[in-house]
Amino acid sequence: MINRPTVLILSSDPAFSRELTEAWPAGAETPEFVLLEEDHCRELDRDTYDLAIADAVNPEKYAVLKQALAAAGKPAIVIHSNTAADACRIQGPILELKRASYSWPAMPALLGREILRRLQAEARASESERLHAVANAEATLGRYMAEMYSTVNNALTSVLGNAELLLLEPGLPAPVLAQADTIRNMALRLHEVFQRFSSIEKELCVVARESGKKTRSAAIGS
């Protein structure tokens, strides 16, 4: 799950990054900004950032930046100055914006924040699904153990009773008595283990309640 997202700014123009970060909406979700010159875009590590915003106003770097960002496969906003292109266009994970005086830098900042919010919502939903699957697996195992508790406990009681009767039988050889004593001791140990399952229903209720809390929290947060 994303805790504090990272926005990678690809630009060699200090004004580009300064204006973008200053326009970013303030609040608790403000990301960490990392600046990298666009000439190093081929060295992108997709695991080091959540969103990239690239300065492609220079037409010569436009294609190179798009290719590198597409290869990384992470969400990206590319700011260009191609007057013949649409003002806004989406190609896979890349959102292309034409730089215009009336929308720069507020538009990419707002769109960037919304993209990060969506990523966080998807991460929370994925974590909620994982926790729900774990809880279901544990609950299934718990229900099975609870159902088997009486059957196994009755069998152990029978084994324990017969072992104690053998120990009371007069005239049995010492090796037989030793084996009967071992059977009794192991049956007692197993009985103690299965006694712990007597509270299995309470534990299942706790798991279900905690899973419900996490699911509700994820729904509210998204």
Protein backbone atom coordinates (compact mmCIF):
# COMPACT_ATOMS: atom_id res chain seq x y z
CA MET A 1 0.00 0.00 0.00
CA ILE A 2 1.12 3.51 -0.78
CA ASN A 3 1.97 5.42 2.39
CA ARG A 4 3.48 8.59 1.01
CA PRO A 5 3.55 8.49 -2.78
CA THR A 6 6.52 9.66 -4.83
CA VAL A 7 6.20 11.93 -7.85
CA LEU A 8 9.13 11.85 -10.26
CA ILE A 9 9.60 15.12 -12.14
CA LEU A 10 11.58 14.70 -15.37
CA SER A 11 12.96 18.09 -16.36
CA SER A 12 16.18 20.05 -16.62
CA ASP A 13 14.32 23.34 -16.20
CA PRO A 14 14.27 24.46 -12.53
CA ALA A 15 11.25 26.65 -13.24
CA PHE A 16 9.25 23.63 -14.44
CA SER A 17 9.64 21.69 -11.20
CA ARG A 18 9.30 24.79 -9.01
CA GLU A 19 6.03 25.92 -10.62
CA LEU A 20 4.63 22.39 -10.57
CA THR A 21 5.37 21.75 -6.89
CA GLU A 22 4.10 25.20 -5.88
CA ALA A 23 0.82 24.56 -7.71
CA TRP A 24 0.33 21.13 -6.10
CA PRO A 25 -2.75 21.20 -3.84
CA ALA A 26 -1.69 21.37 -0.19
CA GLY A 27 -2.86 18.79 2.30
CA ALA A 28 -2.02 15.56 4.09
CA GLU A 29 -1.64 13.73 0.76
CA THR A 30 1.21 15.92 -0.50
CA PRO A 31 3.67 13.51 -2.14
CA GLU A 32 7.43 13.40 -2.08
CA PHE A 33 8.89 15.02 -5.18
CA VAL A 34 12.05 13.69 -6.84
CA LEU A 35 13.71 15.62 -9.66
CA LEU A 36 15.54 13.90 -12.50
CA GLU A 37 16.85 15.46 -15.70
CA GLU A 38 14.87 14.20 -18.67
CA ASP A 39 18.10 13.15 -20.42
CA HIS A 40 18.32 10.33 -17.84
CA CYS A 41 14.85 9.01 -18.58
CA ARG A 42 16.25 5.74 -19.96
CA GLU A 43 17.46 4.94 -16.43
CA LEU A 44 13.96 4.93 -14.92
CA ASP A 45 13.32 2.43 -12.14
CA ARG A 46 9.58 1.81 -11.94
CA ASP A 47 9.84 0.73 -8.30
CA THR A 48 11.14 4.12 -7.13
CA TYR A 49 8.13 6.27 -8.01
CA ASP A 50 4.35 6.17 -8.27
CA LEU A 51 3.72 8.92 -10.81
CA ALA A 52 6.01 10.65 -13.33
CA ILE A 53 5.49 14.14 -14.72
CA ALA A 54 7.72 14.86 -17.69
CA ASP A 55 8.76 18.12 -19.31
CA ALA A 56 8.50 17.36 -23.04
CA VAL A 57 8.12 20.95 -24.24
CA ASN A 58 11.28 20.42 -26.25
CA PRO A 59 10.03 18.53 -29.36
CA GLU A 60 13.32 16.66 -29.69
CA LYS A 61 12.82 14.98 -26.31
CA TYR A 62 9.11 14.29 -26.69
CA ALA A 63 9.38 10.87 -28.34
CA VAL A 64 12.24 9.71 -26.13
CA LEU A 65 10.37 10.59 -22.94
CA LYS A 66 7.18 8.88 -24.09
CA GLN A 67 9.06 5.73 -25.03
CA ALA A 68 10.88 5.55 -21.68
CA LEU A 69 7.72 6.18 -19.67
CA ALA A 70 5.72 3.64 -21.65
CA ALA A 71 8.44 1.05 -21.03
CA ALA A 72 8.33 1.76 -17.28
CA GLY A 73 4.59 1.14 -17.31
CA LYS A 74 3.78 3.49 -14.42
CA PRO A 75 1.25 6.35 -14.59
CA ALA A 76 2.75 9.44 -16.19
CA ILE A 77 1.80 12.94 -17.30
CA VAL A 78 3.71 14.34 -20.27
CA ILE A 79 3.62 18.10 -20.81
CA HIS A 80 4.27 19.02 -24.45
CA SER A 81 3.96 22.03 -26.73
CA ASN A 82 2.77 20.36 -29.93
CA THR A 83 0.21 22.81 -31.28
CA ALA A 84 -1.16 20.24 -33.72
CA ALA A 85 -1.93 17.69 -30.99
CA ASP A 86 -5.04 17.48 -28.83
CA ALA A 87 -5.09 19.45 -25.60
CA CYS A 88 -5.43 16.19 -23.68
CA ARG A 89 -4.81 12.63 -24.84
CA ILE A 90 -4.45 9.31 -23.02
CA GLN A 91 -2.20 6.55 -24.34
CA GLY A 92 -2.01 3.58 -21.99
CA PRO A 93 -0.60 4.77 -18.66
CA ILE A 94 0.46 8.11 -20.17
CA LEU A 95 -1.65 11.24 -20.07
CA GLU A 96 -0.46 13.90 -22.54
CA LEU A 97 -1.24 17.54 -21.81
CA LYS A 98 -0.55 20.48 -24.07
CA ARG A 99 1.17 23.25 -22.14
CA ALA A 100 -1.04 26.32 -22.15
CA SER A 101 -0.65 29.47 -20.14
CA TYR A 102 -4.19 29.22 -18.76
CA SER A 103 -3.79 25.65 -17.47
CA TRP A 104 -0.15 25.50 -16.46
CA PRO A 105 0.73 24.38 -13.86
CA ALA A 106 -2.63 23.95 -12.10
CA MET A 107 -4.02 21.33 -14.50
CA PRO A 108 -1.18 18.75 -14.25
CA ALA A 109 -1.01 19.28 -10.48
CA LEU A 110 -4.72 18.59 -10.03
CA LEU A 111 -4.67 15.61 -12.38
CA GLY A 112 -1.57 14.26 -10.64
CA ARG A 113 -3.26 14.42 -7.26
CA GLU A 114 -6.30 12.55 -8.58
CA ILE A 115 -4.12 9.87 -10.15
CA LEU A 116 -2.35 9.30 -6.83
CA ARG A 117 -5.68 9.14 -5.01
CA ARG A 118 -6.84 6.45 -7.40
CA LEU A 119 -3.62 4.49 -6.90
CA GLN A 120 -4.07 4.66 -3.14
CA ALA A 121 -7.69 3.53 -3.40
CA GLU A 122 -6.67 0.57 -5.58
CA ALA A 123 -3.89 -0.34 -3.13
CA ARG A 124 -6.31 -0.23 -0.20
CA ALA A 125 -8.84 -2.35 -2.09
CA SER A 126 -6.16 -4.90 -2.97
CA GLU A 127 -5.00 -5.09 0.65
CA SER A 128 -8.58 -5.48 1.82
CA GLU A 129 -9.13 -8.36 -0.61
CA ARG A 130 -5.93 -10.03 0.60
CA LEU A 131 -6.94 -9.73 4.26
CA HIS A 132 -10.42 -11.00 3.44
CA ALA A 133 -8.97 -14.05 1.67
CA VAL A 134 -6.68 -14.78 4.65
CA ALA A 135 -9.58 -14.40 7.08
CA ASN A 136 -11.75 -16.74 4.99
CA ALA A 137 -8.99 -19.35 4.88
CA GLU A 138 -8.48 -19.16 8.63
CA ALA A 139 -12.23 -19.29 9.24
CA THR A 140 -12.59 -22.37 7.02
CA LEU A 141 -9.78 -24.13 8.86
CA GLY A 142 -11.26 -23.09 12.19
CA ARG A 143 -14.72 -24.38 11.29
CA TYR A 144 -13.25 -27.70 10.17
CA MET A 145 -11.29 -28.05 13.41
CA ALA A 146 -14.38 -27.17 15.43
CA GLU A 147 -16.43 -29.79 13.58
CA MET A 148 -13.74 -32.43 14.11
CA TYR A 149 -13.17 -31.56 17.77
CA SER A 150 -15.91 -33.79 19.21
CA THR A 151 -15.04 -36.75 16.98
CA VAL A 152 -11.33 -36.62 17.75
CA ASN A 153 -11.94 -35.96 21.45
CA ASN A 154 -14.22 -39.01 21.72
CA ALA A 155 -11.62 -41.17 19.97
CA LEU A 156 -8.87 -39.93 22.30
CA THR A 157 -11.06 -40.61 25.33
CA SER A 158 -11.51 -44.19 24.14
CA VAL A 159 -7.76 -44.64 23.54
CA LEU A 160 -6.95 -43.14 26.94
CA GLY A 161 -9.50 -45.32 28.73
CA ASN A 162 -8.23 -48.53 27.13
CA ALA A 163 -4.59 -47.61 27.87
CA GLU A 164 -5.44 -47.09 31.54
CA LEU A 165 -7.27 -50.43 31.66
CA LEU A 166 -4.18 -52.15 30.26
CA LEU A 167 -2.04 -50.55 32.94
CA LEU A 168 -4.36 -51.97 35.58
CA GLU A 169 -4.30 -55.47 34.05
CA PRO A 170 -2.29 -57.79 36.32
CA GLY A 171 0.48 -59.98 34.99
CA LEU A 172 1.28 -58.07 31.82
CA PRO A 173 4.93 -58.09 30.69
CA ALA A 174 6.94 -54.96 31.40
CA PRO A 175 7.37 -54.06 27.67
CA VAL A 176 3.58 -54.15 27.20
CA LEU A 177 3.04 -51.97 30.26
CA ALA A 178 5.64 -49.50 28.94
CA GLN A 179 3.87 -49.32 25.58
CA ALA A 180 0.49 -48.83 27.26
CA ASP A 181 1.97 -46.07 29.40
CA THR A 182 3.34 -44.35 26.27
CA ILE A 183 -0.08 -44.60 24.56
CA ARG A 184 -1.75 -43.07 27.63
CA ASN A 185 0.75 -40.21 27.84
CA MET A 186 0.47 -39.38 24.13
CA ALA A 187 -3.31 -39.52 24.34
CA LEU A 188 -3.21 -37.08 27.27
CA ARG A 189 -1.01 -34.70 25.32
CA LEU A 190 -3.30 -34.82 22.30
CA HIS A 191 -6.28 -34.30 24.57
CA GLU A 192 -4.67 -31.16 26.01
CA VAL A 193 -4.01 -29.84 22.51
CA PHE A 194 -7.59 -30.36 21.38
CA GLN A 195 -8.92 -28.78 24.55
CA ARG A 196 -7.58 -25.51 23.21
CA PHE A 197 -10.06 -25.71 20.35
CA SER A 198 -12.96 -25.32 22.76
CA SER A 199 -12.78 -21.55 22.23
CA ILE A 200 -12.62 -21.80 18.44
CA GLU A 201 -16.02 -20.16 17.94
CA LYS A 202 -14.91 -17.05 19.87
CA GLU A 203 -11.74 -16.84 17.80
CA LEU A 204 -13.75 -17.08 14.57
CA CYS A 205 -15.97 -14.22 15.73
CA VAL A 206 -12.90 -12.08 16.41
CA VAL A 207 -11.47 -12.81 12.94
CA ALA A 208 -14.79 -11.97 11.27
CA ARG A 209 -15.13 -8.73 13.26
CA GLU A 210 -11.59 -7.54 12.47
CA SER A 211 -12.04 -8.38 8.79
CA GLY A 212 -15.25 -6.38 8.74
CA LYS A 213 -13.53 -3.38 10.33
CA LYS A 214 -10.73 -3.40 7.75
CA THR A 215 -13.22 -3.71 4.89
CA ARG A 216 -15.29 -0.77 6.16
CA SER A 217 -12.17 1.34 6.73
CA ALA A 218 -10.97 0.64 3.17
CA ALA A 219 -14.38 1.56 1.78
CA ILE A 220 -14.48 4.83 3.72
CA GLY A 221 -10.90 5.71 2.75
CA SER A 222 -11.57 5.17 -0.96
